[in-house]
């Protein structure tokens, strides 16, 4: 069971309206995270991957994927939800740009993190970190494959789309290892199992 499943079972709030509101809230949280850059080395951190991992761990695969798809649909529709919009123009052209594969990778992250949550990986710091690292790494498959069309494949691709982000991925996984077990403890869900 995910955090949402546990809390909604206690409160009887797993309704269609609640699920729609969660999907919308998740897409809005992704939009906010796209607009905030945290100073970090060697590149500033976008907290988007952490938010996507968090959506998966908290909501499970279906709701998290729905939230990511809603976010992507908003961007494709021209809403300024993506990093750098405005002044860049959102829309399908943005998704077809160099970062499009990473954006599509958000869907895979949400799904994988959600599966880990269903297995209870988010309840313990070690397994939460493993879940966050593995789910976060999934973004590199579509992200690098697509980015390579713009940079070429090889060392240039890795220098542009992988190496600068690895330390940030570890930091986000550490954050997930702290946050999610603490939330489970706070809601008393370990005793509810």
N, C-alpha and C. Protein backbone atom coordinates (compact mmCIF):
# COMPACT_ATOMS: atom_id res chain seq x y z
N UNK A 1 0.84 -1.20 0.00
CA UNK A 1 0.00 0.00 0.00
C UNK A 1 0.87 1.25 0.00
N UNK A 2 0.43 2.24 -0.72
CA UNK A 2 1.14 3.51 -0.75
C UNK A 2 0.66 4.39 0.40
N UNK A 3 1.35 5.51 0.58
CA UNK A 3 0.91 6.47 1.59
C UNK A 3 -0.53 6.90 1.35
N UNK A 4 -0.84 7.24 0.10
CA UNK A 4 -2.21 7.67 -0.19
C UNK A 4 -3.21 6.55 0.08
N UNK A 5 -2.89 5.33 -0.32
CA UNK A 5 -3.81 4.21 -0.07
C UNK A 5 -4.09 4.06 1.42
N UNK A 6 -3.04 4.15 2.22
CA UNK A 6 -3.18 4.00 3.66
C UNK A 6 -4.02 5.12 4.26
N UNK A 7 -3.70 6.35 3.89
CA UNK A 7 -4.45 7.49 4.45
C UNK A 7 -5.89 7.51 3.96
N UNK A 8 -6.10 7.20 2.70
CA UNK A 8 -7.47 7.23 2.19
C UNK A 8 -8.31 6.10 2.76
N UNK A 9 -7.70 4.96 3.06
CA UNK A 9 -8.45 3.86 3.69
C UNK A 9 -8.91 4.26 5.08
N UNK A 10 -8.05 5.00 5.80
CA UNK A 10 -8.42 5.46 7.14
C UNK A 10 -9.54 6.48 7.10
N UNK A 11 -9.52 7.32 6.08
CA UNK A 11 -10.48 8.43 6.02
C UNK A 11 -11.63 8.15 5.07
N UNK A 12 -11.57 7.09 4.31
CA UNK A 12 -12.61 6.81 3.34
C UNK A 12 -12.68 7.84 2.23
N UNK A 13 -11.51 8.33 1.80
CA UNK A 13 -11.50 9.43 0.84
C UNK A 13 -10.97 9.04 -0.54
N UNK A 14 -10.99 7.76 -0.87
CA UNK A 14 -10.52 7.33 -2.18
C UNK A 14 -11.66 7.40 -3.19
N UNK A 15 -12.04 8.63 -3.54
CA UNK A 15 -13.13 8.86 -4.48
C UNK A 15 -12.56 9.32 -5.81
N UNK A 16 -13.39 9.31 -6.83
CA UNK A 16 -12.97 9.80 -8.14
C UNK A 16 -12.53 11.25 -8.05
N UNK A 17 -13.30 12.07 -7.34
CA UNK A 17 -12.95 13.48 -7.17
C UNK A 17 -11.60 13.62 -6.49
N UNK A 18 -11.36 12.85 -5.43
CA UNK A 18 -10.08 12.93 -4.73
C UNK A 18 -8.93 12.53 -5.65
N UNK A 19 -9.12 11.50 -6.44
CA UNK A 19 -8.08 11.07 -7.38
C UNK A 19 -7.81 12.14 -8.43
N UNK A 20 -8.84 12.77 -8.95
CA UNK A 20 -8.65 13.85 -9.92
C UNK A 20 -7.92 15.04 -9.30
N UNK A 21 -8.29 15.37 -8.07
CA UNK A 21 -7.61 16.48 -7.38
C UNK A 21 -6.14 16.15 -7.13
N UNK A 22 -5.84 14.90 -6.79
CA UNK A 22 -4.44 14.49 -6.58
C UNK A 22 -3.63 14.60 -7.87
N UNK A 23 -4.23 14.18 -8.97
CA UNK A 23 -3.54 14.26 -10.26
C UNK A 23 -3.27 15.73 -10.60
N UNK A 24 -4.27 16.57 -10.43
CA UNK A 24 -4.08 18.00 -10.70
C UNK A 24 -3.03 18.60 -9.77
N UNK A 25 -3.11 18.29 -8.49
CA UNK A 25 -2.12 18.80 -7.53
C UNK A 25 -0.72 18.32 -7.88
N UNK A 26 -0.59 17.08 -8.29
CA UNK A 26 0.72 16.56 -8.70
C UNK A 26 1.27 17.30 -9.90
N UNK A 27 0.41 17.58 -10.88
CA UNK A 27 0.88 18.32 -12.06
C UNK A 27 1.27 19.75 -11.69
N UNK A 28 0.54 20.35 -10.77
CA UNK A 28 0.90 21.71 -10.31
C UNK A 28 2.21 21.71 -9.53
N UNK A 29 2.41 20.68 -8.73
CA UNK A 29 3.67 20.56 -7.99
C UNK A 29 4.85 20.41 -8.96
N UNK A 30 4.65 19.67 -10.03
CA UNK A 30 5.69 19.55 -11.06
C UNK A 30 5.97 20.89 -11.72
N UNK A 31 4.93 21.67 -11.97
CA UNK A 31 5.11 22.99 -12.56
C UNK A 31 5.93 23.88 -11.63
N UNK A 32 5.58 23.88 -10.36
CA UNK A 32 6.33 24.70 -9.39
C UNK A 32 7.78 24.26 -9.34
N UNK A 33 8.01 22.95 -9.32
CA UNK A 33 9.39 22.46 -9.24
C UNK A 33 10.18 22.79 -10.50
N UNK A 34 9.52 22.98 -11.62
CA UNK A 34 10.20 23.37 -12.86
C UNK A 34 10.70 24.80 -12.80
N UNK A 35 10.11 25.59 -11.94
CA UNK A 35 10.44 27.02 -11.86
C UNK A 35 11.47 27.34 -10.79
N UNK A 36 11.86 26.33 -10.01
CA UNK A 36 12.79 26.54 -8.90
C UNK A 36 14.08 25.78 -9.17
N UNK A 37 15.19 26.47 -9.11
CA UNK A 37 16.50 25.84 -9.24
C UNK A 37 17.24 26.01 -7.92
N UNK A 38 17.69 24.91 -7.36
CA UNK A 38 18.42 24.93 -6.10
C UNK A 38 19.91 24.99 -6.42
N UNK A 39 20.65 25.97 -5.86
CA UNK A 39 22.09 26.03 -6.12
C UNK A 39 22.76 24.72 -5.69
N UNK A 40 23.59 24.17 -6.57
CA UNK A 40 24.24 22.90 -6.31
C UNK A 40 25.46 22.81 -7.22
N UNK A 41 26.30 21.84 -6.97
CA UNK A 41 27.49 21.62 -7.78
C UNK A 41 27.36 20.28 -8.50
N UNK A 42 27.68 20.17 -9.74
CA UNK A 42 28.25 21.16 -10.66
C UNK A 42 27.19 21.97 -11.41
N UNK A 43 25.92 21.57 -11.32
CA UNK A 43 24.85 22.33 -11.98
C UNK A 43 23.74 22.54 -10.97
N UNK A 44 22.95 23.62 -11.11
CA UNK A 44 21.81 23.81 -10.21
C UNK A 44 20.84 22.63 -10.30
N UNK A 45 20.22 22.31 -9.19
CA UNK A 45 19.28 21.19 -9.13
C UNK A 45 17.88 21.65 -9.50
N UNK A 46 17.28 20.96 -10.42
CA UNK A 46 15.84 21.07 -10.61
C UNK A 46 15.26 20.00 -9.71
N UNK A 47 14.26 20.33 -8.97
CA UNK A 47 13.67 19.35 -8.06
C UNK A 47 12.58 18.52 -8.74
N UNK A 48 12.47 18.64 -10.06
CA UNK A 48 11.43 17.91 -10.77
C UNK A 48 11.55 16.40 -10.60
N UNK A 49 12.75 15.86 -10.74
CA UNK A 49 12.86 14.41 -10.60
C UNK A 49 12.52 13.97 -9.18
N UNK A 50 12.88 14.78 -8.19
CA UNK A 50 12.50 14.44 -6.82
C UNK A 50 10.98 14.45 -6.67
N UNK A 51 10.32 15.44 -7.27
CA UNK A 51 8.86 15.51 -7.19
C UNK A 51 8.24 14.29 -7.88
N UNK A 52 8.76 13.91 -9.05
CA UNK A 52 8.20 12.75 -9.75
C UNK A 52 8.40 11.48 -8.93
N UNK A 53 9.59 11.31 -8.37
CA UNK A 53 9.84 10.16 -7.49
C UNK A 53 8.88 10.20 -6.31
N UNK A 54 8.73 11.39 -5.73
CA UNK A 54 7.82 11.55 -4.59
C UNK A 54 6.38 11.23 -4.95
N UNK A 55 5.95 11.65 -6.13
CA UNK A 55 4.59 11.32 -6.56
C UNK A 55 4.42 9.81 -6.66
N UNK A 56 5.41 9.14 -7.23
CA UNK A 56 5.33 7.69 -7.34
C UNK A 56 5.30 7.02 -5.98
N UNK A 57 6.18 7.45 -5.08
CA UNK A 57 6.24 6.84 -3.75
C UNK A 57 4.98 7.13 -2.93
N UNK A 58 4.42 8.30 -3.08
CA UNK A 58 3.26 8.67 -2.28
C UNK A 58 1.94 8.18 -2.87
N UNK A 59 1.83 8.21 -4.18
CA UNK A 59 0.53 7.95 -4.81
C UNK A 59 0.42 6.59 -5.48
N UNK A 60 1.55 5.96 -5.75
CA UNK A 60 1.53 4.70 -6.48
C UNK A 60 1.65 4.95 -7.97
N UNK A 61 1.83 3.89 -8.75
CA UNK A 61 2.13 4.06 -10.17
C UNK A 61 1.02 4.73 -10.98
N UNK A 62 -0.21 4.33 -10.82
CA UNK A 62 -1.28 4.85 -11.68
C UNK A 62 -1.51 6.34 -11.48
N UNK A 63 -1.67 6.77 -10.24
CA UNK A 63 -1.94 8.19 -9.97
C UNK A 63 -0.73 9.05 -10.32
N UNK A 64 0.47 8.56 -10.02
CA UNK A 64 1.68 9.33 -10.32
C UNK A 64 1.85 9.49 -11.83
N UNK A 65 1.67 8.42 -12.58
CA UNK A 65 1.77 8.52 -14.03
C UNK A 65 0.71 9.47 -14.57
N UNK A 66 -0.51 9.40 -14.04
CA UNK A 66 -1.56 10.31 -14.48
C UNK A 66 -1.18 11.77 -14.21
N UNK A 67 -0.56 12.04 -13.06
CA UNK A 67 -0.13 13.41 -12.75
C UNK A 67 0.94 13.89 -13.73
N UNK A 68 1.90 13.02 -14.05
CA UNK A 68 2.95 13.38 -15.00
C UNK A 68 2.34 13.60 -16.39
N UNK A 69 1.45 12.72 -16.81
CA UNK A 69 0.81 12.90 -18.12
C UNK A 69 -0.01 14.18 -18.17
N UNK A 70 -0.66 14.53 -17.08
CA UNK A 70 -1.41 15.79 -17.03
C UNK A 70 -0.45 16.97 -17.17
N UNK A 71 0.69 16.90 -16.49
CA UNK A 71 1.71 17.96 -16.60
C UNK A 71 2.21 18.09 -18.04
N UNK A 72 2.54 16.97 -18.66
CA UNK A 72 3.03 17.00 -20.04
C UNK A 72 1.96 17.53 -20.99
N UNK A 73 0.71 17.13 -20.78
CA UNK A 73 -0.38 17.60 -21.62
C UNK A 73 -0.55 19.12 -21.49
N UNK A 74 -0.39 19.63 -20.28
CA UNK A 74 -0.48 21.08 -20.08
C UNK A 74 0.61 21.80 -20.87
N UNK A 75 1.82 21.25 -20.83
CA UNK A 75 2.92 21.85 -21.58
C UNK A 75 2.72 21.76 -23.08
N UNK A 76 2.27 20.62 -23.56
CA UNK A 76 2.01 20.46 -24.98
C UNK A 76 0.90 21.41 -25.44
N UNK A 77 -0.06 21.66 -24.55
CA UNK A 77 -1.15 22.58 -24.88
C UNK A 77 -0.69 24.05 -24.89
N UNK A 78 0.56 24.29 -24.50
CA UNK A 78 1.10 25.65 -24.56
C UNK A 78 1.16 26.37 -23.24
N UNK A 79 0.74 25.73 -22.17
CA UNK A 79 0.83 26.38 -20.86
C UNK A 79 2.30 26.44 -20.43
N UNK A 80 2.71 27.49 -19.75
CA UNK A 80 4.13 27.66 -19.39
C UNK A 80 4.53 26.84 -18.16
N UNK A 81 4.48 25.53 -18.29
CA UNK A 81 4.76 24.65 -17.16
C UNK A 81 6.19 24.11 -17.16
N UNK A 82 6.86 24.14 -18.30
CA UNK A 82 8.19 23.56 -18.41
C UNK A 82 9.27 24.54 -17.93
N UNK A 83 10.46 24.01 -17.66
CA UNK A 83 11.60 24.84 -17.29
C UNK A 83 11.86 25.84 -18.42
N UNK A 84 12.04 27.10 -18.05
CA UNK A 84 12.37 28.13 -19.03
C UNK A 84 11.20 28.69 -19.81
N UNK A 85 9.97 28.28 -19.47
CA UNK A 85 8.79 28.84 -20.14
C UNK A 85 8.06 29.75 -19.15
N UNK A 86 7.73 30.97 -19.49
CA UNK A 86 8.37 31.72 -20.55
C UNK A 86 9.80 32.10 -20.15
N UNK A 87 10.64 32.63 -20.96
CA UNK A 87 10.41 33.22 -22.27
C UNK A 87 10.33 32.20 -23.40
N UNK A 88 10.88 30.98 -23.20
CA UNK A 88 10.71 29.97 -24.25
C UNK A 88 9.23 29.66 -24.39
N UNK A 89 8.84 29.26 -25.55
CA UNK A 89 7.45 28.93 -25.80
C UNK A 89 7.24 27.44 -25.52
N UNK A 90 6.19 27.13 -24.76
CA UNK A 90 5.86 25.74 -24.50
C UNK A 90 5.19 25.17 -25.74
N UNK A 91 4.69 23.98 -25.64
CA UNK A 91 4.02 23.35 -26.76
C UNK A 91 4.77 22.12 -27.20
N UNK A 92 4.32 21.53 -28.26
CA UNK A 92 4.92 20.30 -28.76
C UNK A 92 6.37 20.53 -29.19
N UNK A 93 6.68 21.74 -29.67
CA UNK A 93 8.06 22.03 -30.09
C UNK A 93 9.02 21.91 -28.91
N UNK A 94 8.59 22.34 -27.73
CA UNK A 94 9.44 22.22 -26.54
C UNK A 94 9.70 20.75 -26.23
N UNK A 95 8.66 19.95 -26.31
CA UNK A 95 8.79 18.52 -26.03
C UNK A 95 9.67 17.83 -27.06
N UNK A 96 9.72 18.36 -28.27
CA UNK A 96 10.56 17.79 -29.32
C UNK A 96 12.00 18.30 -29.25
N UNK A 97 12.27 19.22 -28.32
CA UNK A 97 13.61 19.77 -28.17
C UNK A 97 14.54 18.82 -27.43
N UNK A 98 15.74 19.27 -27.10
CA UNK A 98 16.76 18.41 -26.51
C UNK A 98 16.36 17.73 -25.19
N UNK A 99 15.51 18.39 -24.41
CA UNK A 99 15.14 17.81 -23.11
C UNK A 99 13.87 16.94 -23.18
N UNK A 100 13.31 16.78 -24.36
CA UNK A 100 12.07 16.03 -24.51
C UNK A 100 12.14 14.61 -23.99
N UNK A 101 13.26 13.94 -24.21
CA UNK A 101 13.40 12.56 -23.72
C UNK A 101 13.39 12.48 -22.20
N UNK A 102 13.97 13.50 -21.57
CA UNK A 102 13.95 13.52 -20.10
C UNK A 102 12.52 13.75 -19.59
N UNK A 103 11.79 14.63 -20.27
CA UNK A 103 10.40 14.87 -19.88
C UNK A 103 9.57 13.60 -20.03
N UNK A 104 9.75 12.88 -21.11
CA UNK A 104 9.04 11.61 -21.30
C UNK A 104 9.49 10.61 -20.23
N UNK A 105 10.75 10.70 -19.85
CA UNK A 105 11.28 9.83 -18.80
C UNK A 105 10.60 10.00 -17.46
N UNK A 106 9.98 11.17 -17.24
CA UNK A 106 9.23 11.37 -16.00
C UNK A 106 8.13 10.32 -15.83
N UNK A 107 7.53 9.92 -16.94
CA UNK A 107 6.47 8.90 -16.88
C UNK A 107 7.04 7.60 -16.32
N UNK A 108 8.20 7.21 -16.83
CA UNK A 108 8.83 5.96 -16.37
C UNK A 108 9.25 6.06 -14.91
N UNK A 109 9.79 7.21 -14.51
CA UNK A 109 10.18 7.40 -13.10
C UNK A 109 8.97 7.22 -12.20
N UNK A 110 7.87 7.88 -12.54
CA UNK A 110 6.66 7.81 -11.72
C UNK A 110 6.19 6.37 -11.58
N UNK A 111 6.21 5.63 -12.68
CA UNK A 111 5.76 4.25 -12.67
C UNK A 111 6.67 3.37 -11.81
N UNK A 112 7.98 3.49 -12.00
CA UNK A 112 8.93 2.66 -11.25
C UNK A 112 8.88 3.00 -9.77
N UNK A 113 8.88 4.28 -9.44
CA UNK A 113 8.80 4.68 -8.02
C UNK A 113 7.50 4.17 -7.40
N UNK A 114 6.42 4.24 -8.16
CA UNK A 114 5.14 3.74 -7.67
C UNK A 114 5.17 2.25 -7.40
N UNK A 115 5.84 1.49 -8.27
CA UNK A 115 5.98 0.05 -8.03
C UNK A 115 6.78 -0.22 -6.76
N UNK A 116 7.86 0.54 -6.57
CA UNK A 116 8.65 0.39 -5.34
C UNK A 116 7.80 0.70 -4.11
N UNK A 117 6.96 1.72 -4.21
CA UNK A 117 6.08 2.07 -3.08
C UNK A 117 5.13 0.92 -2.77
N UNK A 118 4.58 0.31 -3.80
CA UNK A 118 3.67 -0.82 -3.59
C UNK A 118 4.38 -1.98 -2.88
N UNK A 119 5.70 -2.09 -3.07
CA UNK A 119 6.48 -3.14 -2.41
C UNK A 119 6.97 -2.71 -1.03
N UNK A 120 6.65 -1.46 -0.62
CA UNK A 120 7.03 -0.99 0.70
C UNK A 120 8.44 -0.44 0.81
N UNK A 121 9.09 -0.16 -0.31
CA UNK A 121 10.46 0.35 -0.28
C UNK A 121 10.58 1.73 0.35
N UNK A 122 9.49 2.48 0.41
CA UNK A 122 9.56 3.85 0.91
C UNK A 122 9.45 3.94 2.43
N UNK A 123 9.41 2.81 3.11
CA UNK A 123 9.21 2.80 4.56
C UNK A 123 10.50 2.74 5.36
N UNK A 124 11.58 2.48 4.72
CA UNK A 124 12.86 2.31 5.41
C UNK A 124 13.90 3.15 4.65
N UNK A 125 14.80 3.83 5.35
CA UNK A 125 15.74 4.73 4.68
C UNK A 125 16.60 4.06 3.60
N UNK A 126 17.08 2.86 3.84
CA UNK A 126 17.96 2.20 2.87
C UNK A 126 17.18 1.85 1.60
N UNK A 127 16.02 1.22 1.77
CA UNK A 127 15.26 0.82 0.59
C UNK A 127 14.63 2.03 -0.11
N UNK A 128 14.31 3.08 0.65
CA UNK A 128 13.79 4.31 0.02
C UNK A 128 14.88 4.94 -0.85
N UNK A 129 16.11 4.90 -0.38
CA UNK A 129 17.21 5.45 -1.19
C UNK A 129 17.42 4.61 -2.44
N UNK A 130 17.36 3.30 -2.29
CA UNK A 130 17.50 2.42 -3.46
C UNK A 130 16.39 2.70 -4.46
N UNK A 131 15.17 2.80 -3.97
CA UNK A 131 14.03 3.07 -4.85
C UNK A 131 14.21 4.39 -5.59
N UNK A 132 14.65 5.42 -4.87
CA UNK A 132 14.83 6.74 -5.49
C UNK A 132 15.97 6.72 -6.51
N UNK A 133 17.06 6.02 -6.20
CA UNK A 133 18.18 5.95 -7.14
C UNK A 133 17.79 5.20 -8.41
N UNK A 134 17.14 4.05 -8.24
CA UNK A 134 16.76 3.26 -9.41
C UNK A 134 15.71 3.99 -10.24
N UNK A 135 14.67 4.50 -9.57
CA UNK A 135 13.62 5.22 -10.31
C UNK A 135 14.21 6.44 -11.01
N UNK A 136 15.08 7.17 -10.31
CA UNK A 136 15.69 8.36 -10.91
C UNK A 136 16.59 8.03 -12.09
N UNK A 137 17.26 6.88 -12.04
CA UNK A 137 18.16 6.48 -13.13
C UNK A 137 17.40 6.15 -14.40
N UNK A 138 16.14 5.76 -14.27
CA UNK A 138 15.33 5.39 -15.43
C UNK A 138 15.22 6.53 -16.44
N UNK A 139 15.30 7.77 -15.95
CA UNK A 139 15.14 8.92 -16.84
C UNK A 139 16.24 8.98 -17.90
N UNK A 140 17.38 8.39 -17.60
CA UNK A 140 18.51 8.50 -18.53
C UNK A 140 18.32 7.67 -19.80
N UNK A 141 17.50 6.64 -19.76
CA UNK A 141 17.29 5.84 -20.97
C UNK A 141 16.64 6.67 -22.08
N UNK A 142 15.44 7.20 -21.88
CA UNK A 142 14.88 8.03 -22.96
C UNK A 142 15.58 9.38 -23.07
N UNK A 143 16.04 9.91 -21.94
CA UNK A 143 16.65 11.23 -21.95
C UNK A 143 17.91 11.29 -22.80
N UNK A 144 18.82 10.36 -22.56
CA UNK A 144 20.08 10.34 -23.31
C UNK A 144 19.87 9.89 -24.75
N UNK A 145 18.96 8.94 -24.95
CA UNK A 145 18.68 8.49 -26.32
C UNK A 145 18.21 9.66 -27.18
N UNK A 146 17.32 10.50 -26.62
CA UNK A 146 16.80 11.64 -27.37
C UNK A 146 17.82 12.76 -27.48
N UNK A 147 18.49 13.07 -26.37
CA UNK A 147 19.49 14.15 -26.38
C UNK A 147 20.61 13.85 -27.38
N UNK A 148 20.95 12.57 -27.53
CA UNK A 148 22.00 12.19 -28.48
C UNK A 148 21.69 12.59 -29.91
N UNK A 149 20.43 12.73 -30.26
CA UNK A 149 20.08 13.20 -31.59
C UNK A 149 20.55 14.64 -31.82
N UNK A 150 20.71 15.38 -30.72
CA UNK A 150 21.13 16.78 -30.80
C UNK A 150 22.64 16.95 -30.58
N UNK A 151 23.22 16.11 -29.72
CA UNK A 151 24.64 16.28 -29.37
C UNK A 151 25.54 15.27 -30.06
N UNK A 152 24.97 14.21 -30.59
CA UNK A 152 25.75 13.07 -31.04
C UNK A 152 25.93 12.13 -29.85
N UNK A 153 26.31 10.93 -30.12
CA UNK A 153 26.46 9.92 -29.07
C UNK A 153 27.93 9.79 -28.72
N UNK A 154 28.21 9.45 -27.49
CA UNK A 154 29.58 9.31 -27.03
C UNK A 154 29.83 10.22 -25.84
N UNK A 155 31.07 10.60 -25.68
CA UNK A 155 31.48 11.38 -24.52
C UNK A 155 30.78 12.73 -24.43
N UNK A 156 30.52 13.37 -25.55
CA UNK A 156 29.82 14.66 -25.54
C UNK A 156 28.43 14.52 -24.94
N UNK A 157 27.75 13.46 -25.30
CA UNK A 157 26.41 13.19 -24.76
C UNK A 157 26.46 13.00 -23.26
N UNK A 158 27.40 12.19 -22.79
CA UNK A 158 27.51 11.91 -21.35
C UNK A 158 27.90 13.16 -20.58
N UNK A 159 28.77 13.98 -21.16
CA UNK A 159 29.18 15.22 -20.50
C UNK A 159 28.04 16.22 -20.43
N UNK A 160 27.13 16.18 -21.40
CA UNK A 160 26.01 17.13 -21.42
C UNK A 160 24.82 16.63 -20.63
N UNK A 161 24.54 15.32 -20.65
CA UNK A 161 23.28 14.83 -20.12
C UNK A 161 23.35 13.85 -18.98
N UNK A 162 24.57 13.46 -18.56
CA UNK A 162 24.65 12.48 -17.48
C UNK A 162 25.55 12.95 -16.34
N UNK A 163 26.82 13.11 -16.61
CA UNK A 163 27.79 13.38 -15.54
C UNK A 163 27.42 14.55 -14.63
N UNK A 164 26.97 15.69 -15.18
CA UNK A 164 26.68 16.82 -14.29
C UNK A 164 25.52 16.59 -13.32
N UNK A 165 24.72 15.55 -13.57
CA UNK A 165 23.50 15.36 -12.78
C UNK A 165 23.59 14.22 -11.76
N UNK A 166 24.65 13.44 -11.81
CA UNK A 166 24.75 12.26 -10.94
C UNK A 166 24.80 12.63 -9.46
N UNK A 167 25.59 13.63 -9.10
CA UNK A 167 25.68 14.03 -7.70
C UNK A 167 24.32 14.53 -7.19
N UNK A 168 23.61 15.27 -8.02
CA UNK A 168 22.27 15.73 -7.66
C UNK A 168 21.30 14.57 -7.48
N UNK A 169 21.44 13.54 -8.29
CA UNK A 169 20.59 12.35 -8.16
C UNK A 169 20.80 11.68 -6.81
N UNK A 170 22.05 11.61 -6.39
CA UNK A 170 22.36 11.01 -5.09
C UNK A 170 21.77 11.88 -3.97
N UNK A 171 21.89 13.20 -4.10
CA UNK A 171 21.33 14.11 -3.08
C UNK A 171 19.81 13.95 -3.00
N UNK A 172 19.14 13.83 -4.13
CA UNK A 172 17.68 13.66 -4.13
C UNK A 172 17.29 12.30 -3.53
N UNK A 173 18.09 11.28 -3.80
CA UNK A 173 17.81 9.96 -3.22
C UNK A 173 17.99 10.00 -1.70
N UNK A 174 19.01 10.71 -1.23
CA UNK A 174 19.19 10.88 0.22
C UNK A 174 17.99 11.60 0.83
N UNK A 175 17.51 12.62 0.15
CA UNK A 175 16.35 13.36 0.63
C UNK A 175 15.13 12.44 0.71
N UNK A 176 14.93 11.62 -0.32
CA UNK A 176 13.81 10.67 -0.30
C UNK A 176 13.97 9.67 0.84
N UNK A 177 15.22 9.26 1.13
CA UNK A 177 15.48 8.31 2.20
C UNK A 177 15.18 8.91 3.57
N UNK A 178 15.22 10.22 3.66
CA UNK A 178 14.89 10.90 4.91
C UNK A 178 13.38 11.17 4.99
N UNK A 179 12.82 11.70 3.92
CA UNK A 179 11.44 12.18 3.93
C UNK A 179 10.42 11.05 4.02
N UNK A 180 10.50 10.06 3.16
CA UNK A 180 9.42 9.09 3.09
C UNK A 180 9.32 8.17 4.30
N UNK A 181 10.42 7.63 4.82
CA UNK A 181 10.28 6.87 6.06
C UNK A 181 9.76 7.73 7.22
N UNK A 182 10.17 9.00 7.25
CA UNK A 182 9.69 9.90 8.31
C UNK A 182 8.18 10.13 8.19
N UNK A 183 7.69 10.29 6.98
CA UNK A 183 6.25 10.48 6.79
C UNK A 183 5.50 9.23 7.21
N UNK A 184 6.02 8.06 6.82
CA UNK A 184 5.36 6.81 7.25
C UNK A 184 5.31 6.72 8.77
N UNK A 185 6.39 7.08 9.40
CA UNK A 185 6.42 7.05 10.87
C UNK A 185 5.43 8.05 11.45
N UNK A 186 5.35 9.21 10.84
CA UNK A 186 4.47 10.27 11.31
C UNK A 186 3.00 9.85 11.22
N UNK A 187 2.62 9.21 10.13
CA UNK A 187 1.22 8.79 9.99
C UNK A 187 0.93 7.48 10.73
N UNK A 188 1.96 6.88 11.30
CA UNK A 188 1.76 5.65 12.04
C UNK A 188 1.39 4.49 11.16
N UNK A 189 1.80 4.54 9.91
CA UNK A 189 1.39 3.51 8.96
C UNK A 189 2.09 2.18 9.21
N UNK A 190 3.25 2.20 9.84
CA UNK A 190 3.92 0.92 10.11
C UNK A 190 3.08 0.04 11.01
N UNK A 191 2.37 0.64 11.96
CA UNK A 191 1.52 -0.14 12.85
C UNK A 191 0.24 -0.57 12.13
N UNK A 192 -0.17 0.16 11.10
CA UNK A 192 -1.41 -0.13 10.40
C UNK A 192 -1.28 -1.32 9.45
N UNK A 193 -0.04 -1.76 9.17
CA UNK A 193 0.15 -2.87 8.22
C UNK A 193 -0.33 -4.15 8.77
